[in-house]
N, C-alpha and C. Protein backbone atom coordinates (compact mmCIF):
# COMPACT_ATOMS: atom_id res chain seq x y z
N MET A 1 77.65 63.34 1.58
CA MET A 1 79.00 63.78 1.82
C MET A 1 79.79 63.55 0.52
N PRO A 2 80.48 64.59 0.02
CA PRO A 2 81.23 64.44 -1.23
C PRO A 2 82.41 63.54 -1.07
N GLY A 3 82.98 63.10 -2.20
CA GLY A 3 84.16 62.20 -2.16
C GLY A 3 85.38 62.94 -1.61
N PRO A 4 86.46 62.19 -1.50
CA PRO A 4 87.71 62.79 -0.98
C PRO A 4 88.18 63.96 -1.83
N ASP A 5 88.82 64.90 -1.20
CA ASP A 5 89.23 66.15 -1.90
C ASP A 5 90.52 65.93 -2.69
N TYR A 6 91.14 64.75 -2.57
CA TYR A 6 92.39 64.54 -3.26
C TYR A 6 92.16 63.83 -4.64
N ILE A 7 90.94 63.58 -5.02
CA ILE A 7 90.65 63.02 -6.30
C ILE A 7 90.30 64.16 -7.28
N VAL A 8 90.99 64.24 -8.37
CA VAL A 8 90.80 65.31 -9.31
C VAL A 8 90.51 64.69 -10.66
N ASP A 9 89.42 65.11 -11.27
CA ASP A 9 89.08 64.66 -12.65
C ASP A 9 89.48 65.81 -13.58
N ILE A 10 90.36 65.53 -14.52
CA ILE A 10 90.75 66.52 -15.48
C ILE A 10 90.24 66.05 -16.84
N GLU A 11 89.29 66.76 -17.37
CA GLU A 11 88.63 66.39 -18.64
C GLU A 11 89.64 66.30 -19.74
N GLY A 12 89.58 65.24 -20.52
CA GLY A 12 90.47 65.06 -21.65
C GLY A 12 91.69 64.24 -21.35
N LEU A 13 91.99 63.91 -20.12
CA LEU A 13 93.19 63.15 -19.83
C LEU A 13 92.96 61.63 -19.71
N ALA A 14 91.77 61.25 -19.42
CA ALA A 14 91.49 59.84 -19.28
C ALA A 14 91.46 59.12 -20.66
N ALA A 15 92.15 58.01 -20.74
CA ALA A 15 92.18 57.25 -22.02
C ALA A 15 90.86 56.52 -22.12
N PRO A 16 90.28 56.43 -23.30
CA PRO A 16 89.05 55.67 -23.43
C PRO A 16 89.27 54.17 -23.24
N ASP A 17 88.32 53.49 -22.69
CA ASP A 17 88.37 52.06 -22.53
C ASP A 17 88.23 51.41 -23.89
N PRO A 18 89.19 50.57 -24.39
CA PRO A 18 89.09 50.04 -25.73
C PRO A 18 87.85 49.18 -25.92
N VAL A 19 87.39 48.52 -24.86
CA VAL A 19 86.23 47.65 -25.00
C VAL A 19 84.99 48.55 -25.22
N GLU A 20 84.92 49.69 -24.57
CA GLU A 20 83.76 50.60 -24.77
C GLU A 20 83.89 51.35 -26.11
N SER A 21 85.08 51.63 -26.58
CA SER A 21 85.25 52.43 -27.74
C SER A 21 85.22 51.61 -29.04
N ASP A 22 85.44 50.32 -28.99
CA ASP A 22 85.47 49.47 -30.15
C ASP A 22 84.45 48.34 -30.01
N ALA A 23 83.29 48.52 -30.63
CA ALA A 23 82.23 47.60 -30.48
C ALA A 23 82.58 46.17 -31.01
N SER A 24 83.52 46.07 -31.95
CA SER A 24 83.92 44.78 -32.47
C SER A 24 84.67 43.92 -31.45
N LEU A 25 85.20 44.54 -30.37
CA LEU A 25 85.88 43.78 -29.31
C LEU A 25 84.95 43.38 -28.14
N ARG A 26 83.84 44.04 -28.03
CA ARG A 26 82.91 43.79 -26.95
C ARG A 26 82.47 42.34 -26.93
N GLY A 27 82.73 41.63 -25.85
CA GLY A 27 82.36 40.23 -25.70
C GLY A 27 83.41 39.22 -26.24
N ARG A 28 84.42 39.71 -26.89
CA ARG A 28 85.45 38.86 -27.46
C ARG A 28 86.40 38.40 -26.32
N PRO A 29 86.80 37.12 -26.26
CA PRO A 29 87.72 36.65 -25.28
C PRO A 29 89.04 37.43 -25.30
N TRP A 30 89.64 37.64 -24.09
CA TRP A 30 90.87 38.40 -23.99
C TRP A 30 91.74 37.80 -22.92
N ILE A 31 93.04 38.13 -22.97
CA ILE A 31 93.99 37.78 -21.95
C ILE A 31 94.75 39.06 -21.54
N ALA A 32 95.27 39.06 -20.33
CA ALA A 32 96.04 40.24 -19.89
C ALA A 32 97.53 39.97 -20.16
N ILE A 33 98.19 41.05 -20.62
CA ILE A 33 99.62 40.98 -20.90
C ILE A 33 100.38 42.07 -20.10
N HIS A 34 101.46 41.63 -19.43
CA HIS A 34 102.41 42.59 -18.85
C HIS A 34 103.49 42.76 -19.86
N TRP A 35 103.58 43.99 -20.39
CA TRP A 35 104.62 44.30 -21.38
C TRP A 35 105.89 44.67 -20.63
N ARG A 36 106.85 43.76 -20.57
CA ARG A 36 108.13 44.04 -19.90
C ARG A 36 108.89 45.18 -20.58
N CYS A 37 108.72 45.33 -21.89
CA CYS A 37 109.44 46.36 -22.62
C CYS A 37 109.14 47.78 -22.11
N CYS A 38 107.94 48.03 -21.68
CA CYS A 38 107.55 49.34 -21.23
C CYS A 38 106.94 49.38 -19.84
N GLY A 39 106.84 48.24 -19.20
CA GLY A 39 106.33 48.17 -17.86
C GLY A 39 104.80 48.50 -17.71
N VAL A 40 104.05 48.14 -18.73
CA VAL A 40 102.60 48.43 -18.68
C VAL A 40 101.82 47.14 -18.90
N TYR A 41 100.54 47.20 -18.54
CA TYR A 41 99.60 46.09 -18.72
C TYR A 41 98.56 46.50 -19.75
N SER A 42 98.09 45.51 -20.49
CA SER A 42 96.93 45.75 -21.40
C SER A 42 96.25 44.40 -21.67
N ARG A 43 95.15 44.48 -22.35
CA ARG A 43 94.47 43.28 -22.83
C ARG A 43 94.82 43.05 -24.29
N ILE A 44 94.91 41.77 -24.71
CA ILE A 44 94.94 41.47 -26.12
C ILE A 44 93.74 40.51 -26.35
N TYR A 45 93.18 40.58 -27.49
CA TYR A 45 91.96 39.85 -27.84
C TYR A 45 92.18 38.75 -28.79
N ARG A 46 91.31 37.72 -28.71
CA ARG A 46 91.38 36.61 -29.62
C ARG A 46 90.95 37.10 -31.01
N ASN A 47 91.66 36.63 -32.03
CA ASN A 47 91.34 37.07 -33.42
C ASN A 47 89.99 36.45 -33.85
N ALA A 48 89.47 36.96 -34.96
CA ALA A 48 88.16 36.51 -35.42
C ALA A 48 88.10 35.07 -35.77
N ALA A 49 89.19 34.50 -36.21
CA ALA A 49 89.27 33.09 -36.57
C ALA A 49 89.42 32.17 -35.36
N ALA A 50 89.58 32.78 -34.17
CA ALA A 50 89.75 31.98 -32.90
C ALA A 50 91.00 31.09 -32.94
N THR A 51 92.04 31.56 -33.63
CA THR A 51 93.25 30.71 -33.68
C THR A 51 94.36 31.27 -32.84
N SER A 52 94.28 32.55 -32.43
CA SER A 52 95.39 33.17 -31.62
C SER A 52 94.86 34.44 -30.95
N TYR A 53 95.65 34.86 -29.95
CA TYR A 53 95.46 36.15 -29.31
C TYR A 53 96.54 37.03 -29.84
N GLU A 54 96.19 38.23 -30.35
CA GLU A 54 97.16 39.11 -30.96
C GLU A 54 97.03 40.51 -30.47
N GLY A 55 98.18 41.18 -30.31
CA GLY A 55 98.11 42.56 -29.90
C GLY A 55 99.51 43.21 -29.94
N ARG A 56 99.51 44.46 -29.53
CA ARG A 56 100.72 45.28 -29.58
C ARG A 56 100.86 46.03 -28.25
N CYS A 57 102.09 46.25 -27.80
CA CYS A 57 102.35 47.05 -26.61
C CYS A 57 101.74 48.45 -26.89
N PRO A 58 100.95 48.98 -25.91
CA PRO A 58 100.31 50.27 -26.11
C PRO A 58 101.29 51.42 -26.13
N LYS A 59 102.57 51.23 -25.69
CA LYS A 59 103.56 52.33 -25.68
C LYS A 59 104.47 52.26 -26.88
N CYS A 60 105.12 51.10 -27.10
CA CYS A 60 106.12 51.03 -28.17
C CYS A 60 105.65 50.27 -29.40
N GLY A 61 104.57 49.53 -29.31
CA GLY A 61 104.05 48.87 -30.46
C GLY A 61 104.61 47.43 -30.70
N HIS A 62 105.40 46.94 -29.72
CA HIS A 62 105.96 45.61 -29.86
C HIS A 62 104.83 44.58 -30.03
N PRO A 63 104.89 43.73 -31.08
CA PRO A 63 103.80 42.79 -31.33
C PRO A 63 103.92 41.51 -30.55
N VAL A 64 102.81 40.84 -30.29
CA VAL A 64 102.80 39.53 -29.69
C VAL A 64 101.66 38.73 -30.30
N ARG A 65 101.90 37.44 -30.43
CA ARG A 65 100.84 36.53 -30.96
C ARG A 65 100.98 35.24 -30.15
N LEU A 66 99.89 34.84 -29.47
CA LEU A 66 99.83 33.61 -28.69
C LEU A 66 98.81 32.71 -29.35
N ALA A 67 99.28 31.54 -29.82
CA ALA A 67 98.40 30.62 -30.46
C ALA A 67 97.44 29.94 -29.47
N VAL A 68 96.26 29.65 -29.96
CA VAL A 68 95.29 28.92 -29.16
C VAL A 68 95.56 27.43 -29.35
N GLY A 69 95.91 26.74 -28.28
CA GLY A 69 96.23 25.31 -28.32
C GLY A 69 95.06 24.44 -28.06
N ALA A 70 95.14 23.17 -28.49
CA ALA A 70 94.10 22.20 -28.33
C ALA A 70 93.81 21.90 -26.82
N GLN A 71 94.88 21.90 -25.99
CA GLN A 71 94.72 21.62 -24.58
C GLN A 71 94.35 22.87 -23.80
N GLY A 72 94.67 24.05 -24.31
CA GLY A 72 94.32 25.33 -23.63
C GLY A 72 95.11 25.49 -22.32
N THR A 73 94.77 26.56 -21.61
CA THR A 73 95.38 26.87 -20.33
C THR A 73 94.37 27.61 -19.46
N SER A 74 94.51 27.52 -18.19
CA SER A 74 93.62 28.34 -17.31
C SER A 74 94.22 29.66 -16.98
N ALA A 75 95.45 29.93 -17.45
CA ALA A 75 96.17 31.22 -17.14
C ALA A 75 95.45 32.33 -17.89
N ARG A 76 95.36 33.49 -17.24
CA ARG A 76 94.75 34.68 -17.88
C ARG A 76 95.75 35.83 -17.95
N PHE A 77 96.93 35.66 -17.31
CA PHE A 77 97.90 36.76 -17.33
C PHE A 77 99.23 36.23 -17.87
N PHE A 78 99.83 36.99 -18.81
CA PHE A 78 101.03 36.58 -19.43
C PHE A 78 102.01 37.74 -19.53
N GLU A 79 103.29 37.47 -19.82
CA GLU A 79 104.30 38.52 -19.99
C GLU A 79 104.84 38.44 -21.41
N ALA A 80 105.12 39.64 -21.92
CA ALA A 80 105.66 39.68 -23.32
C ALA A 80 106.59 40.86 -23.37
N GLY A 81 107.33 40.98 -24.47
CA GLY A 81 108.16 42.12 -24.75
C GLY A 81 109.52 41.94 -24.20
């Protein structure tokens, strides 16, 4: 039985998954960010030196940098912007 008739795939509209498209990020630790500035979610990845998580809002480019602390945190979702 085919899937529901209300699901439409339009070639070329789906954004590529950054983890699949950038091999340098594959396996790198990440955290989720809710960008209040544009109301979107994305991942930001730990930098190569493992000193911070850095990224930009995917819509407006607002930057964020979260330092990696000695005590750490169990939180995986944060807000920025």
